Amino acid sequence: MKFVLLLIVLVALVACIQAGEYQWGEPGPKDFLIAKDKVKKRYVWGLKVSKKYVFKQKKVDALTITAIRVKDIKKKYDSTAELVSGGLGSKGCTIRLKSKRGKSIRSRVEIWGR
C-alpha cells in the first residue's frame, strides 16, 4: 500500500514539474534556432484568454522545422499550447496558447530548424 501511495506522489510531482512545458520534436546538433519569441496576453477577470502565434518564413532560404518548444516564463501562469497547423517537417506553424480562468499568458516559443 505504501508503494502505491509513493508511486502516485511521484507521478503527481513529475506532472507538476513539467506543467507549462510543451515540446514537439528534439533539436539536434546541426539545428539552428530560427525563432525565439515571447507571447503575452493580459488576463480578463473570470475568463480564459487565448492567443494565436503564427510563424512564417520567406520562401527563399526557408528552413524546415525540426523542433518546437513552448515554455511558460513563470510556473504560476500555467497556460496550454496546441499545435494547430504546420509544425515538424514544414516551413511554418501556428500555435494556439490558452490560459486558465483568470490568468495571463506569458510564454516563450522557440522554433528550431535546418
C-alpha atoms as a PDB file:
ATOM      1  CA  MET A   1       0.000   0.000   0.000  1.00  0.00           C
ATOM      2  CA  LYS A   2       2.838   2.393   0.795  1.00  0.00           C
ATOM      3  CA  PHE A   3       4.435   1.598  -2.557  1.00  0.00           C
ATOM      4  CA  VAL A   4       1.268   2.565  -4.441  1.00  0.00           C
ATOM      5  CA  LEU A   5       0.968   5.802  -2.474  1.00  0.00           C
ATOM      6  CA  LEU A   6       4.623   6.621  -3.161  1.00  0.00           C
ATOM      7  CA  LEU A   7       4.135   5.926  -6.861  1.00  0.00           C
ATOM      8  CA  ILE A   8       1.105   8.240  -7.028  1.00  0.00           C
ATOM      9  CA  VAL A   9       3.018  11.019  -5.267  1.00  0.00           C
ATOM     10  CA  LEU A  10       5.969  10.668  -7.676  1.00  0.00           C
ATOM     11  CA  VAL A  11       3.695  10.803 -10.728  1.00  0.00           C
ATOM     12  CA  ALA A  12       1.970  13.923  -9.371  1.00  0.00           C
ATOM     13  CA  LEU A  13       5.339  15.547  -8.663  1.00  0.00           C
ATOM     14  CA  VAL A  14       6.595  14.903 -12.194  1.00  0.00           C
ATOM     15  CA  ALA A  15       3.343  16.303 -13.632  1.00  0.00           C
ATOM     16  CA  CYS A  16       3.748  19.486 -11.560  1.00  0.00           C
ATOM     17  CA  ILE A  17       7.361  19.956 -12.606  1.00  0.00           C
ATOM     18  CA  GLN A  18       6.579  19.598 -16.321  1.00  0.00           C
ATOM     19  CA  ALA A  19       3.448  21.766 -16.242  1.00  0.00           C
ATOM     20  CA  GLY A  20       3.625  24.614 -18.703  1.00  0.00           C
ATOM     21  CA  GLU A  21       6.234  22.993 -20.969  1.00  0.00           C
ATOM     22  CA  TYR A  22       5.334  21.659 -24.402  1.00  0.00           C
ATOM     23  CA  GLN A  23       7.737  20.249 -26.963  1.00  0.00           C
ATOM     24  CA  TRP A  24       7.330  18.764 -30.412  1.00  0.00           C
ATOM     25  CA  GLY A  25      10.488  17.144 -31.779  1.00  0.00           C
ATOM     26  CA  GLU A  26      14.012  17.398 -30.398  1.00  0.00           C
ATOM     27  CA  PRO A  27      16.638  19.941 -31.546  1.00  0.00           C
ATOM     28  CA  GLY A  28      19.705  18.159 -32.906  1.00  0.00           C
ATOM     29  CA  PRO A  29      23.352  19.241 -33.033  1.00  0.00           C
ATOM     30  CA  LYS A  30      23.008  20.558 -36.614  1.00  0.00           C
ATOM     31  CA  ASP A  31      19.804  22.523 -35.999  1.00  0.00           C
ATOM     32  CA  PHE A  32      19.606  26.310 -35.835  1.00  0.00           C
ATOM     33  CA  LEU A  33      17.393  28.421 -33.592  1.00  0.00           C
ATOM     34  CA  ILE A  34      15.078  30.017 -36.170  1.00  0.00           C
ATOM     35  CA  ALA A  35      12.814  31.981 -33.820  1.00  0.00           C
ATOM     36  CA  LYS A  36      12.656  32.823 -30.122  1.00  0.00           C
ATOM     37  CA  ASP A  37       9.679  34.967 -29.166  1.00  0.00           C
ATOM     38  CA  LYS A  38       7.728  35.933 -26.065  1.00  0.00           C
ATOM     39  CA  VAL A  39       3.968  35.609 -26.332  1.00  0.00           C
ATOM     40  CA  LYS A  40       1.936  37.709 -23.896  1.00  0.00           C
ATOM     41  CA  LYS A  41      -1.728  38.396 -23.361  1.00  0.00           C
ATOM     42  CA  ARG A  42      -3.230  40.082 -20.325  1.00  0.00           C
ATOM     43  CA  TYR A  43      -5.838  38.300 -18.233  1.00  0.00           C
ATOM     44  CA  VAL A  44      -9.537  39.103 -18.172  1.00  0.00           C
ATOM     45  CA  TRP A  45     -11.061  38.595 -14.746  1.00  0.00           C
ATOM     46  CA  GLY A  46     -13.091  35.378 -14.639  1.00  0.00           C
ATOM     47  CA  LEU A  47     -12.421  34.389 -18.271  1.00  0.00           C
ATOM     48  CA  LYS A  48      -9.967  32.247 -20.219  1.00  0.00           C
ATOM     49  CA  VAL A  49      -7.864  34.092 -22.778  1.00  0.00           C
ATOM     50  CA  SER A  50      -6.217  32.679 -25.882  1.00  0.00           C
ATOM     51  CA  LYS A  51      -3.566  33.918 -28.282  1.00  0.00           C
ATOM     52  CA  LYS A  52      -2.530  32.596 -31.670  1.00  0.00           C
ATOM     53  CA  TYR A  53       1.194  32.574 -32.533  1.00  0.00           C
ATOM     54  CA  VAL A  54       1.934  32.340 -36.269  1.00  0.00           C
ATOM     55  CA  PHE A  55       5.443  31.629 -37.568  1.00  0.00           C
ATOM     56  CA  LYS A  56       6.145  32.189 -41.271  1.00  0.00           C
ATOM     57  CA  GLN A  57       9.366  32.255 -43.234  1.00  0.00           C
ATOM     58  CA  LYS A  58      10.259  33.882 -46.526  1.00  0.00           C
ATOM     59  CA  LYS A  59      10.132  31.471 -49.461  1.00  0.00           C
ATOM     60  CA  VAL A  60      13.822  31.988 -50.249  1.00  0.00           C
ATOM     61  CA  ASP A  61      16.159  30.088 -47.900  1.00  0.00           C
ATOM     62  CA  ALA A  62      13.333  28.753 -45.722  1.00  0.00           C
ATOM     63  CA  LEU A  63      14.452  26.144 -43.202  1.00  0.00           C
ATOM     64  CA  THR A  64      12.476  23.017 -42.292  1.00  0.00           C
ATOM     65  CA  ILE A  65      11.183  22.967 -38.712  1.00  0.00           C
ATOM     66  CA  THR A  66      12.664  20.129 -36.650  1.00  0.00           C
ATOM     67  CA  ALA A  67      11.613  21.118 -33.104  1.00  0.00           C
ATOM     68  CA  ILE A  68       9.199  23.455 -31.341  1.00  0.00           C
ATOM     69  CA  ARG A  69       9.399  24.289 -27.640  1.00  0.00           C
ATOM     70  CA  VAL A  70       6.827  26.333 -25.695  1.00  0.00           C
ATOM     71  CA  LYS A  71       7.577  27.140 -22.059  1.00  0.00           C
ATOM     72  CA  ASP A  72       5.826  29.341 -19.517  1.00  0.00           C
ATOM     73  CA  ILE A  73       8.032  32.176 -18.294  1.00  0.00           C
ATOM     74  CA  LYS A  74       6.700  31.607 -14.764  1.00  0.00           C
ATOM     75  CA  LYS A  75       5.036  28.452 -13.465  1.00  0.00           C
ATOM     76  CA  LYS A  76       2.121  30.396 -11.994  1.00  0.00           C
ATOM     77  CA  TYR A  77       0.681  31.197 -15.445  1.00  0.00           C
ATOM     78  CA  ASP A  78       0.355  27.525 -16.463  1.00  0.00           C
ATOM     79  CA  SER A  79      -1.025  28.053 -19.984  1.00  0.00           C
ATOM     80  CA  THR A  80      -1.531  25.261 -22.519  1.00  0.00           C
ATOM     81  CA  ALA A  81      -0.171  25.105 -26.065  1.00  0.00           C
ATOM     82  CA  GLU A  82      -1.717  23.366 -29.050  1.00  0.00           C
ATOM     83  CA  LEU A  83      -0.113  22.953 -32.472  1.00  0.00           C
ATOM     84  CA  VAL A  84      -2.905  23.966 -34.864  1.00  0.00           C
ATOM     85  CA  SER A  85      -1.204  23.776 -38.262  1.00  0.00           C
ATOM     86  CA  GLY A  86       2.214  23.197 -39.785  1.00  0.00           C
ATOM     87  CA  GLY A  87       4.897  22.049 -37.408  1.00  0.00           C
ATOM     88  CA  LEU A  88       7.607  19.459 -37.803  1.00  0.00           C
ATOM     89  CA  GLY A  89       8.745  18.973 -41.387  1.00  0.00           C
ATOM     90  CA  SER A  90       7.096  22.165 -42.660  1.00  0.00           C
ATOM     91  CA  LYS A  91       8.257  25.746 -43.219  1.00  0.00           C
ATOM     92  CA  GLY A  92       5.827  27.410 -40.797  1.00  0.00           C
ATOM     93  CA  CYS A  93       3.454  26.718 -37.921  1.00  0.00           C
ATOM     94  CA  THR A  94       0.532  28.074 -35.933  1.00  0.00           C
ATOM     95  CA  ILE A  95       0.328  27.551 -32.164  1.00  0.00           C
ATOM     96  CA  ARG A  96      -2.730  28.362 -30.036  1.00  0.00           C
ATOM     97  CA  LEU A  97      -1.990  29.251 -26.407  1.00  0.00           C
ATOM     98  CA  LYS A  98      -4.784  29.151 -23.823  1.00  0.00           C
ATOM     99  CA  SER A  99      -4.746  30.331 -20.234  1.00  0.00           C
ATOM    100  CA  LYS A 100      -6.554  29.075 -17.196  1.00  0.00           C
ATOM    101  CA  ARG A 101      -9.534  31.067 -15.978  1.00  0.00           C
ATOM    102  CA  GLY A 102      -8.430  34.499 -14.736  1.00  0.00           C
ATOM    103  CA  LYS A 103      -4.744  34.000 -15.684  1.00  0.00           C
ATOM    104  CA  SER A 104      -2.453  35.708 -18.198  1.00  0.00           C
ATOM    105  CA  ILE A 105      -0.431  34.118 -20.981  1.00  0.00           C
ATOM    106  CA  ARG A 106       3.318  34.685 -20.752  1.00  0.00           C
ATOM    107  CA  SER A 107       5.208  32.034 -22.707  1.00  0.00           C
ATOM    108  CA  ARG A 108       8.433  31.707 -24.656  1.00  0.00           C
ATOM    109  CA  VAL A 109       8.283  29.992 -28.055  1.00  0.00           C
ATOM    110  CA  GLU A 110      11.461  28.548 -29.590  1.00  0.00           C
ATOM    111  CA  ILE A 111      11.497  27.091 -33.097  1.00  0.00           C
ATOM    112  CA  TRP A 112      14.452  25.056 -34.362  1.00  0.00           C
ATOM    113  CA  GLY A 113      15.191  24.002 -37.935  1.00  0.00           C
ATOM    114  CA  ARG A 114      17.729  23.007 -40.543  1.00  0.00           C
END
